[in-house]
Amino acid sequence: MKNWELLINQGRDAYSEERFNQALSINQNAIEIALNLFDNAFELEPERAVAAVVISYFNIADAHIALNSWSSAQQALEQASLFLQKQFSCLFLSEPQQVALLHAASHLRIEWASLIQKSSATTAATHQSPPVMIKEQQAIQKYNQ
């Protein structure tokens, strides 16, 4: 996980220095590492293993947002959602694993809401057609009711 942490820090630095393409590339490398290490890490440190994967996807989405690539940001969050769904489908999850997945799912909901809000604000400011996120927006609105 040390290589993942190093990449996450490098990606954060690149992002804060507005080198968004570089941040994107670094975070794409980070997700590969997180996914490769996931199975073993999920057994030993479920919270950390799940966080590594979803944080990587969130960082990729943030880089795409900074590059005004809304559909790519949406895809990154969809990949995070699919990853969590796959993990939830496992028959035997320990309580710490279940908690880690629920915690990540909660953060994913927040990321979706943020993406929709940022996308809507940009769409209103630029008078462009909104990205296709109607299903996710409806799900969030239903969840918040």
Protein backbone atom coordinates (compact mmCIF):
# COMPACT_ATOMS: atom_id res chain seq x y z
CA MET A 1 0.00 0.00 0.00
CA LYS A 2 2.99 2.30 0.33
CA ASN A 3 3.24 2.63 -3.46
CA TRP A 4 -0.45 3.51 -3.57
CA GLU A 5 0.00 6.14 -0.85
CA LEU A 6 2.96 7.63 -2.71
CA LEU A 7 0.94 7.89 -5.91
CA ILE A 8 -2.05 9.40 -4.11
CA ASN A 9 0.20 12.08 -2.63
CA GLN A 10 1.80 12.76 -6.01
CA GLY A 11 -1.64 12.97 -7.61
CA ARG A 12 -2.83 15.37 -4.91
CA ASP A 13 0.22 17.57 -5.50
CA ALA A 14 -0.29 17.58 -9.27
CA TYR A 15 -3.97 18.43 -8.81
CA SER A 16 -3.26 21.28 -6.39
CA GLU A 17 -0.73 22.66 -8.89
CA GLU A 18 -3.44 22.46 -11.59
CA ARG A 19 -1.58 19.79 -13.57
CA PHE A 20 -4.84 17.94 -14.04
CA ASN A 21 -3.76 15.60 -16.87
CA GLN A 22 -0.79 14.48 -14.79
CA ALA A 23 -3.01 14.05 -11.72
CA LEU A 24 -5.35 11.92 -13.81
CA SER A 25 -2.52 9.70 -15.03
CA ILE A 26 -1.07 9.28 -11.54
CA ASN A 27 -4.46 8.39 -10.07
CA GLN A 28 -5.09 5.88 -12.84
CA ASN A 29 -1.86 4.17 -11.78
CA ALA A 30 -3.01 4.33 -8.17
CA ILE A 31 -6.29 2.56 -8.94
CA GLU A 32 -4.42 -0.25 -10.66
CA ILE A 33 -2.31 -0.79 -7.55
CA ALA A 34 -5.31 -0.58 -5.22
CA LEU A 35 -7.26 -3.13 -7.26
CA ASN A 36 -4.28 -5.49 -7.50
CA LEU A 37 -3.79 -5.43 -3.74
CA PHE A 38 -7.46 -5.43 -2.84
CA ASP A 39 -8.24 -9.11 -2.23
CA ASN A 40 -5.45 -9.64 0.29
CA ALA A 41 -5.84 -6.22 1.91
CA PHE A 42 -9.63 -6.64 2.22
CA GLU A 43 -9.08 -9.64 4.47
CA LEU A 44 -6.57 -7.88 6.73
CA GLU A 45 -7.63 -4.22 6.66
CA PRO A 46 -11.04 -3.90 5.02
CA GLU A 47 -11.51 -0.18 5.69
CA ARG A 48 -8.12 0.69 4.25
CA ALA A 49 -8.51 -1.61 1.24
CA VAL A 50 -11.93 -0.25 0.28
CA ALA A 51 -10.82 3.34 0.90
CA ALA A 52 -7.81 2.91 -1.40
CA VAL A 53 -10.03 1.85 -4.27
CA VAL A 54 -12.81 4.40 -3.86
CA ILE A 55 -10.43 7.29 -3.12
CA SER A 56 -8.59 6.48 -6.33
CA TYR A 57 -11.85 6.54 -8.29
CA PHE A 58 -12.90 9.79 -6.59
CA ASN A 59 -9.56 11.40 -7.45
CA ILE A 60 -9.92 10.30 -11.07
CA ALA A 61 -13.41 11.83 -11.14
CA ASP A 62 -12.08 15.08 -9.63
CA ALA A 63 -9.37 15.33 -12.29
CA HIS A 64 -11.97 14.79 -15.01
CA ILE A 65 -14.17 17.47 -13.46
CA ALA A 66 -11.24 19.89 -13.46
CA LEU A 67 -10.77 19.09 -17.16
CA ASN A 68 -14.53 19.64 -17.78
CA SER A 69 -14.89 16.01 -18.84
CA TRP A 70 -18.20 15.37 -17.12
CA SER A 71 -19.00 12.04 -18.76
CA SER A 72 -15.57 10.68 -17.81
CA ALA A 73 -16.08 11.84 -14.23
CA GLN A 74 -19.42 10.08 -14.22
CA GLN A 75 -17.78 6.91 -15.55
CA ALA A 76 -15.21 6.98 -12.73
CA LEU A 77 -17.98 7.16 -10.14
CA GLU A 78 -19.90 4.42 -11.94
CA GLN A 79 -16.79 2.24 -11.74
CA ALA A 80 -16.61 2.91 -8.00
CA SER A 81 -20.28 1.96 -7.70
CA LEU A 82 -19.78 -1.26 -9.67
CA PHE A 83 -16.77 -2.13 -7.54
CA LEU A 84 -18.82 -1.72 -4.35
CA GLN A 85 -21.75 -3.68 -5.78
CA LYS A 86 -19.40 -6.53 -6.64
CA GLN A 87 -18.02 -6.58 -3.10
CA PHE A 88 -21.49 -6.45 -1.54
CA SER A 89 -22.47 -9.50 -3.60
CA CYS A 90 -19.94 -11.69 -1.77
CA LEU A 91 -21.70 -14.31 0.31
CA PHE A 92 -19.49 -14.16 3.37
CA LEU A 93 -18.50 -10.70 4.55
CA SER A 94 -17.21 -10.06 8.02
CA GLU A 95 -18.72 -7.22 10.00
CA PRO A 96 -15.63 -5.00 9.47
CA GLN A 97 -15.87 -5.66 5.73
CA GLN A 98 -19.57 -4.77 5.69
CA VAL A 99 -18.90 -1.58 7.63
CA ALA A 100 -16.08 -0.60 5.26
CA LEU A 101 -18.30 -1.10 2.23
CA LEU A 102 -21.21 0.82 3.77
CA HIS A 103 -18.87 3.66 4.71
CA ALA A 104 -17.57 3.82 1.13
CA ALA A 105 -21.10 3.70 -0.29
CA SER A 106 -22.04 6.68 1.88
CA HIS A 107 -19.09 8.64 0.54
CA LEU A 108 -19.98 7.63 -3.00
CA ARG A 109 -23.45 9.10 -2.55
CA ILE A 110 -21.86 12.38 -1.50
CA GLU A 111 -19.52 12.32 -4.52
CA TRP A 112 -22.48 11.73 -6.86
CA ALA A 113 -24.35 14.67 -5.36
CA SER A 114 -21.26 16.86 -5.70
CA LEU A 115 -20.78 15.85 -9.33
CA ILE A 116 -24.41 16.60 -10.15
CA GLN A 117 -24.23 19.96 -8.39
CA LYS A 118 -20.98 20.98 -10.13
CA SER A 119 -22.27 19.77 -13.48
CA SER A 120 -25.53 21.66 -13.07
CA ALA A 121 -23.71 24.86 -12.10
CA THR A 122 -21.40 24.61 -15.10
CA THR A 123 -24.29 23.80 -17.41
CA ALA A 124 -26.22 26.83 -16.20
CA ALA A 125 -23.16 29.08 -16.56
CA THR A 126 -22.24 27.89 -20.06
CA HIS A 127 -25.75 27.12 -21.40
CA GLN A 128 -24.58 23.67 -22.55
CA SER A 129 -26.61 20.50 -22.50
CA PRO A 130 -26.25 18.72 -19.16
CA PRO A 131 -24.38 15.43 -19.06
CA VAL A 132 -26.46 12.29 -18.84
CA MET A 133 -26.88 11.84 -15.10
CA ILE A 134 -30.64 11.85 -14.77
CA LYS A 135 -30.83 8.36 -13.27
CA GLU A 136 -28.25 9.19 -10.61
CA GLN A 137 -29.86 12.54 -9.82
CA GLN A 138 -33.26 10.88 -9.40
CA ALA A 139 -31.75 8.22 -7.16
CA ILE A 140 -30.12 10.85 -4.95
CA GLN A 141 -33.33 12.88 -4.75
CA LYS A 142 -35.29 9.75 -3.83
CA TYR A 143 -32.68 8.82 -1.23
CA ASN A 144 -32.85 12.29 0.37
CA GLN A 145 -36.67 12.20 0.67
